[in-house]
Amino acid sequence: MEQFNLCVIKPNKDTFSETFIREHIERLPGNKKVLYGGVFPVYDHEGKYLIKSSFGLLSYLIQKRYSIS
């Protein structure tokens, strides 16, 4: 069976109360990448910042402002 890629977005990196989410991620098959930081994730699985430019930061702030309002 061919491995597939899977991206999981979760609110926080390692919150104690998110054991349910952590267990599901561990049991999912395939190649997994976990992003976190909210609705629009800002960190990768290694804790590195995903936004690399001023334009990216501006775009993130605009999306965050209008998606939560």
PDB file of N, CA and C in Angstrom:
ATOM      1  N   MET A   1       0.844  -1.189   0.000  1.00  0.00           N
ATOM      2  CA  MET A   1       0.000   0.000   0.000  1.00  0.00           C
ATOM      3  C   MET A   1       0.887   1.249   0.000  1.00  0.00           C
ATOM      4  N   GLU A   2       0.555   2.205  -0.835  1.00  0.00           N
ATOM      5  CA  GLU A   2       1.324   3.432  -0.961  1.00  0.00           C
ATOM      6  C   GLU A   2       1.051   4.361   0.225  1.00  0.00           C
ATOM      7  N   GLN A   3       2.117   4.956   0.762  1.00  0.00           N
ATOM      8  CA  GLN A   3       1.979   5.934   1.846  1.00  0.00           C
ATOM      9  C   GLN A   3       1.430   7.237   1.272  1.00  0.00           C
ATOM     10  N   PHE A   4       0.615   7.919   2.020  1.00  0.00           N
ATOM     11  CA  PHE A   4       0.085   9.192   1.582  1.00  0.00           C
ATOM     12  C   PHE A   4       0.503  10.278   2.558  1.00  0.00           C
ATOM     13  N   ASN A   5       0.453  11.530   2.106  1.00  0.00           N
ATOM     14  CA  ASN A   5       0.823  12.667   2.929  1.00  0.00           C
ATOM     15  C   ASN A   5      -0.407  13.233   3.611  1.00  0.00           C
ATOM     16  N   LEU A   6      -0.250  13.625   4.853  1.00  0.00           N
ATOM     17  CA  LEU A   6      -1.348  14.134   5.647  1.00  0.00           C
ATOM     18  C   LEU A   6      -0.861  15.334   6.461  1.00  0.00           C
ATOM     19  N   CYS A   7      -1.615  16.412   6.412  1.00  0.00           N
ATOM     20  CA  CYS A   7      -1.302  17.600   7.204  1.00  0.00           C
ATOM     21  C   CYS A   7      -2.383  17.756   8.270  1.00  0.00           C
ATOM     22  N   VAL A   8      -1.961  17.863   9.520  1.00  0.00           N
ATOM     23  CA  VAL A   8      -2.879  18.039  10.639  1.00  0.00           C
ATOM     24  C   VAL A   8      -2.639  19.423  11.226  1.00  0.00           C
ATOM     25  N   ILE A   9      -3.720  20.170  11.409  1.00  0.00           N
ATOM     26  CA  ILE A   9      -3.624  21.501  12.004  1.00  0.00           C
ATOM     27  C   ILE A   9      -4.293  21.446  13.365  1.00  0.00           C
ATOM     28  N   LYS A  10      -3.553  21.863  14.391  1.00  0.00           N
ATOM     29  CA  LYS A  10      -4.116  21.863  15.738  1.00  0.00           C
ATOM     30  C   LYS A  10      -3.848  23.202  16.408  1.00  0.00           C
ATOM     31  N   PRO A  11      -4.600  23.532  17.448  1.00  0.00           N
ATOM     32  CA  PRO A  11      -4.505  24.857  18.043  1.00  0.00           C
ATOM     33  C   PRO A  11      -3.170  25.133  18.757  1.00  0.00           C
ATOM     34  N   ASN A  12      -2.629  24.156  19.457  1.00  0.00           N
ATOM     35  CA  ASN A  12      -1.439  24.369  20.283  1.00  0.00           C
ATOM     36  C   ASN A  12      -0.412  23.279  20.026  1.00  0.00           C
ATOM     37  N   LYS A  13       0.830  23.543  20.414  1.00  0.00           N
ATOM     38  CA  LYS A  13       1.876  22.561  20.183  1.00  0.00           C
ATOM     39  C   LYS A  13       1.723  21.343  21.098  1.00  0.00           C
ATOM     40  N   ASP A  14       1.854  21.538  22.383  1.00  0.00           N
ATOM     41  CA  ASP A  14       1.798  20.423  23.330  1.00  0.00           C
ATOM     42  C   ASP A  14       1.015  20.797  24.576  1.00  0.00           C
ATOM     43  N   THR A  15      -0.268  20.993  24.423  1.00  0.00           N
ATOM     44  CA  THR A  15      -1.100  21.308  25.559  1.00  0.00           C
ATOM     45  C   THR A  15      -1.517  20.020  26.253  1.00  0.00           C
ATOM     46  N   PHE A  16      -1.401  19.998  27.571  1.00  0.00           N
ATOM     47  CA  PHE A  16      -1.718  18.801  28.350  1.00  0.00           C
ATOM     48  C   PHE A  16      -3.125  18.290  28.074  1.00  0.00           C
ATOM     49  N   SER A  17      -4.073  19.180  27.901  1.00  0.00           N
ATOM     50  CA  SER A  17      -5.469  18.789  27.716  1.00  0.00           C
ATOM     51  C   SER A  17      -5.785  18.249  26.316  1.00  0.00           C
ATOM     52  N   GLU A  18      -4.832  18.263  25.408  1.00  0.00           N
ATOM     53  CA  GLU A  18      -5.066  17.796  24.038  1.00  0.00           C
ATOM     54  C   GLU A  18      -4.582  16.359  23.823  1.00  0.00           C
ATOM     55  N   THR A  19      -4.722  15.521  24.834  1.00  0.00           N
ATOM     56  CA  THR A  19      -4.282  14.128  24.702  1.00  0.00           C
ATOM     57  C   THR A  19      -5.074  13.387  23.623  1.00  0.00           C
ATOM     58  N   PHE A  20      -6.346  13.709  23.488  1.00  0.00           N
ATOM     59  CA  PHE A  20      -7.196  13.080  22.466  1.00  0.00           C
ATOM     60  C   PHE A  20      -6.645  13.375  21.071  1.00  0.00           C
ATOM     61  N   ILE A  21      -6.294  14.621  20.825  1.00  0.00           N
ATOM     62  CA  ILE A  21      -5.746  15.020  19.521  1.00  0.00           C
ATOM     63  C   ILE A  21      -4.403  14.337  19.292  1.00  0.00           C
ATOM     64  N   ARG A  22      -3.543  14.356  20.292  1.00  0.00           N
ATOM     65  CA  ARG A  22      -2.208  13.753  20.173  1.00  0.00           C
ATOM     66  C   ARG A  22      -2.307  12.258  19.860  1.00  0.00           C
ATOM     67  N   GLU A  23      -3.186  11.544  20.546  1.00  0.00           N
ATOM     68  CA  GLU A  23      -3.358  10.108  20.298  1.00  0.00           C
ATOM     69  C   GLU A  23      -3.852   9.829  18.884  1.00  0.00           C
ATOM     70  N   HIS A  24      -4.770  10.627  18.391  1.00  0.00           N
ATOM     71  CA  HIS A  24      -5.275  10.434  17.035  1.00  0.00           C
ATOM     72  C   HIS A  24      -4.168  10.658  16.003  1.00  0.00           C
ATOM     73  N   ILE A  25      -3.371  11.682  16.206  1.00  0.00           N
ATOM     74  CA  ILE A  25      -2.272  11.961  15.277  1.00  0.00           C
ATOM     75  C   ILE A  25      -1.293  10.799  15.247  1.00  0.00           C
ATOM     76  N   GLU A  26      -0.948  10.265  16.408  1.00  0.00           N
ATOM     77  CA  GLU A  26       0.007   9.159  16.479  1.00  0.00           C
ATOM     78  C   GLU A  26      -0.513   7.907  15.770  1.00  0.00           C
ATOM     79  N   ARG A  27      -1.820   7.699  15.785  1.00  0.00           N
ATOM     80  CA  ARG A  27      -2.402   6.487  15.197  1.00  0.00           C
ATOM     81  C   ARG A  27      -2.757   6.622  13.713  1.00  0.00           C
ATOM     82  N   LEU A  28      -2.717   7.823  13.191  1.00  0.00           N
ATOM     83  CA  LEU A  28      -3.038   8.017  11.772  1.00  0.00           C
ATOM     84  C   LEU A  28      -1.942   7.419  10.898  1.00  0.00           C
ATOM     85  N   PRO A  29      -2.318   6.754   9.811  1.00  0.00           N
ATOM     86  CA  PRO A  29      -1.312   6.211   8.893  1.00  0.00           C
ATOM     87  C   PRO A  29      -0.776   7.306   7.974  1.00  0.00           C
ATOM     88  N   GLY A  30       0.306   7.011   7.305  1.00  0.00           N
ATOM     89  CA  GLY A  30       0.836   7.931   6.299  1.00  0.00           C
ATOM     90  C   GLY A  30       1.930   8.834   6.832  1.00  0.00           C
ATOM     91  N   ASN A  31       2.402   9.701   5.961  1.00  0.00           N
ATOM     92  CA  ASN A  31       3.431  10.699   6.302  1.00  0.00           C
ATOM     93  C   ASN A  31       2.715  11.916   6.868  1.00  0.00           C
ATOM     94  N   LYS A  32       2.995  12.244   8.119  1.00  0.00           N
ATOM     95  CA  LYS A  32       2.259  13.315   8.797  1.00  0.00           C
ATOM     96  C   LYS A  32       3.125  14.535   9.025  1.00  0.00           C
ATOM     97  N   LYS A  33       2.545  15.694   8.819  1.00  0.00           N
ATOM     98  CA  LYS A  33       3.121  16.981   9.209  1.00  0.00           C
ATOM     99  C   LYS A  33       2.083  17.652  10.092  1.00  0.00           C
ATOM    100  N   VAL A  34       2.514  18.148  11.222  1.00  0.00           N
ATOM    101  CA  VAL A  34       1.594  18.795  12.148  1.00  0.00           C
ATOM    102  C   VAL A  34       1.934  20.280  12.206  1.00  0.00           C
ATOM    103  N   LEU A  35       0.933  21.115  11.955  1.00  0.00           N
ATOM    104  CA  LEU A  35       1.076  22.559  12.043  1.00  0.00           C
ATOM    105  C   LEU A  35       0.208  23.037  13.189  1.00  0.00           C
ATOM    106  N   TYR A  36       0.626  24.108  13.845  1.00  0.00           N
ATOM    107  CA  TYR A  36      -0.171  24.597  14.962  1.00  0.00           C
ATOM    108  C   TYR A  36      -0.074  26.104  15.081  1.00  0.00           C
ATOM    109  N   GLY A  37      -0.960  26.658  15.894  1.00  0.00           N
ATOM    110  CA  GLY A  37      -0.964  28.093  16.126  1.00  0.00           C
ATOM    111  C   GLY A  37      -2.310  28.737  15.877  1.00  0.00           C
ATOM    112  N   GLY A  38      -3.356  27.961  15.728  1.00  0.00           N
ATOM    113  CA  GLY A  38      -4.677  28.538  15.532  1.00  0.00           C
ATOM    114  C   GLY A  38      -5.304  28.146  14.212  1.00  0.00           C
ATOM    115  N   VAL A  39      -6.346  28.867  13.828  1.00  0.00           N
ATOM    116  CA  VAL A  39      -7.076  28.592  12.590  1.00  0.00           C
ATOM    117  C   VAL A  39      -6.145  28.681  11.387  1.00  0.00           C
ATOM    118  N   PHE A  40      -5.298  29.704  11.387  1.00  0.00           N
ATOM    119  CA  PHE A  40      -4.253  29.838  10.375  1.00  0.00           C
ATOM    120  C   PHE A  40      -2.939  29.519  11.076  1.00  0.00           C
ATOM    121  N   PRO A  41      -2.462  28.290  10.956  1.00  0.00           N
ATOM    122  CA  PRO A  41      -1.279  27.887  11.717  1.00  0.00           C
ATOM    123  C   PRO A  41      -0.059  28.723  11.367  1.00  0.00           C
ATOM    124  N   VAL A  42       0.766  28.992  12.368  1.00  0.00           N
ATOM    125  CA  VAL A  42       1.955  29.808  12.157  1.00  0.00           C
ATOM    126  C   VAL A  42       3.254  29.064  12.482  1.00  0.00           C
ATOM    127  N   TYR A  43       3.163  27.833  12.969  1.00  0.00           N
ATOM    128  CA  TYR A  43       4.352  27.053  13.310  1.00  0.00           C
ATOM    129  C   TYR A  43       4.283  25.669  12.679  1.00  0.00           C
ATOM    130  N   ASP A  44       5.448  25.129  12.313  1.00  0.00           N
ATOM    131  CA  ASP A  44       5.483  23.762  11.809  1.00  0.00           C
ATOM    132  C   ASP A  44       5.738  22.796  12.965  1.00  0.00           C
ATOM    133  N   HIS A  45       5.894  21.522  12.655  1.00  0.00           N
ATOM    134  CA  HIS A  45       6.055  20.487  13.673  1.00  0.00           C
ATOM    135  C   HIS A  45       7.338  20.645  14.493  1.00  0.00           C
ATOM    136  N   GLU A  46       8.290  21.406  13.993  1.00  0.00           N
ATOM    137  CA  GLU A  46       9.541  21.643  14.715  1.00  0.00           C
ATOM    138  C   GLU A  46       9.524  22.963  15.485  1.00  0.00           C
ATOM    139  N   GLY A  47       8.402  23.673  15.434  1.00  0.00           N
ATOM    140  CA  GLY A  47       8.303  24.950  16.130  1.00  0.00           C
ATOM    141  C   GLY A  47       8.845  26.119  15.331  1.00  0.00           C
ATOM    142  N   LYS A  48       9.153  25.893  14.048  1.00  0.00           N
ATOM    143  CA  LYS A  48       9.673  26.965  13.193  1.00  0.00           C
ATOM    144  C   LYS A  48       8.517  27.797  12.647  1.00  0.00           C
ATOM    145  N   TYR A  49       8.738  29.078  12.561  1.00  0.00           N
ATOM    146  CA  TYR A  49       7.738  30.021  12.087  1.00  0.00           C
ATOM    147  C   TYR A  49       7.493  29.810  10.597  1.00  0.00           C
ATOM    148  N   LEU A  50       6.244  29.684  10.190  1.00  0.00           N
ATOM    149  CA  LEU A  50       5.894  29.436   8.791  1.00  0.00           C
ATOM    150  C   LEU A  50       5.897  30.701   7.941  1.00  0.00           C
ATOM    151  N   ILE A  51       5.690  31.848   8.545  1.00  0.00           N
ATOM    152  CA  ILE A  51       5.621  33.109   7.794  1.00  0.00           C
ATOM    153  C   ILE A  51       7.040  33.626   7.594  1.00  0.00           C
ATOM    154  N   LYS A  52       7.421  33.755   6.348  1.00  0.00           N
ATOM    155  CA  LYS A  52       8.809  34.095   6.017  1.00  0.00           C
ATOM    156  C   LYS A  52       9.007  35.516   5.492  1.00  0.00           C
ATOM    157  N   SER A  53       7.916  36.244   5.223  1.00  0.00           N
ATOM    158  CA  SER A  53       8.076  37.566   4.619  1.00  0.00           C
ATOM    159  C   SER A  53       7.106  38.565   5.241  1.00  0.00           C
ATOM    160  N   SER A  54       7.352  39.831   4.998  1.00  0.00           N
ATOM    161  CA  SER A  54       6.452  40.895   5.472  1.00  0.00           C
ATOM    162  C   SER A  54       5.083  40.756   4.827  1.00  0.00           C
ATOM    163  N   PHE A  55       5.062  40.418   3.536  1.00  0.00           N
ATOM    164  CA  PHE A  55       3.797  40.226   2.836  1.00  0.00           C
ATOM    165  C   PHE A  55       3.017  39.056   3.450  1.00  0.00           C
ATOM    166  N   GLY A  56       3.713  37.988   3.769  1.00  0.00           N
ATOM    167  CA  GLY A  56       3.082  36.832   4.400  1.00  0.00           C
ATOM    168  C   GLY A  56       2.490  37.183   5.751  1.00  0.00           C
ATOM    169  N   LEU A  57       3.213  37.988   6.522  1.00  0.00           N
ATOM    170  CA  LEU A  57       2.721  38.424   7.826  1.00  0.00           C
ATOM    171  C   LEU A  57       1.491  39.308   7.669  1.00  0.00           C
ATOM    172  N   LEU A  58       1.525  40.232   6.731  1.00  0.00           N
ATOM    173  CA  LEU A  58       0.386  41.101   6.474  1.00  0.00           C
ATOM    174  C   LEU A  58      -0.832  40.278   6.045  1.00  0.00           C
ATOM    175  N   SER A  59      -0.634  39.331   5.152  1.00  0.00           N
ATOM    176  CA  SER A  59      -1.710  38.468   4.683  1.00  0.00           C
ATOM    177  C   SER A  59      -2.300  37.669   5.847  1.00  0.00           C
ATOM    178  N   TYR A  60      -1.446  37.137   6.700  1.00  0.00           N
ATOM    179  CA  TYR A  60      -1.901  36.376   7.869  1.00  0.00           C
ATOM    180  C   TYR A  60      -2.754  37.245   8.788  1.00  0.00           C
ATOM    181  N   LEU A  61      -2.301  38.445   9.074  1.00  0.00           N
ATOM    182  CA  LEU A  61      -3.032  39.339   9.979  1.00  0.00           C
ATOM    183  C   LEU A  61      -4.395  39.731   9.407  1.00  0.00           C
ATOM    184  N   ILE A  62      -4.452  39.972   8.105  1.00  0.00           N
ATOM    185  CA  ILE A  62      -5.728  40.317   7.461  1.00  0.00           C
ATOM    186  C   ILE A  62      -6.687  39.125   7.521  1.00  0.00           C
ATOM    187  N   GLN A  63      -6.204  37.945   7.181  1.00  0.00           N
ATOM    188  CA  GLN A  63      -7.049  36.754   7.219  1.00  0.00           C
ATOM    189  C   GLN A  63      -7.541  36.474   8.636  1.00  0.00           C
ATOM    190  N   LYS A  64      -6.653  36.625   9.596  1.00  0.00           N
ATOM    191  CA  LYS A  64      -7.027  36.381  10.980  1.00  0.00           C
ATOM    192  C   LYS A  64      -8.097  37.386  11.437  1.00  0.00           C
ATOM    193  N   ARG A  65      -7.927  38.615  11.070  1.00  0.00           N
ATOM    194  CA  ARG A  65      -8.869  39.662  11.466  1.00  0.00           C
ATOM    195  C   ARG A  65     -10.257  39.396  10.915  1.00  0.00           C
ATOM    196  N   TYR A  66     -10.357  39.029   9.649  1.00  0.00           N
ATOM    197  CA  TYR A  66     -11.660  38.887   9.011  1.00  0.00           C
ATOM    198  C   TYR A  66     -12.275  37.500   9.182  1.00  0.00           C
ATOM    199  N   SER A  67     -11.512  36.516   9.571  1.00  0.00           N
ATOM    200  CA  SER A  67     -12.088  35.178   9.747  1.00  0.00           C
ATOM    201  C   SER A  67     -12.673  34.990  11.137  1.00  0.00           C
ATOM    202  N   ILE A  68     -12.215  35.742  12.101  1.00  0.00           N
ATOM    203  CA  ILE A  68     -12.664  35.570  13.475  1.00  0.00           C
ATOM    204  C   ILE A  68     -13.778  36.550  13.814  1.00  0.00           C
ATOM    205  N   SER A  69     -13.863  37.642  13.124  1.00  0.00           N
ATOM    206  CA  SER A  69     -14.886  38.671  13.415  1.00  0.00           C
ATOM    207  C   SER A  69     -16.282  38.174  13.183  1.00  0.00           C
TER     208      SER A  69
END
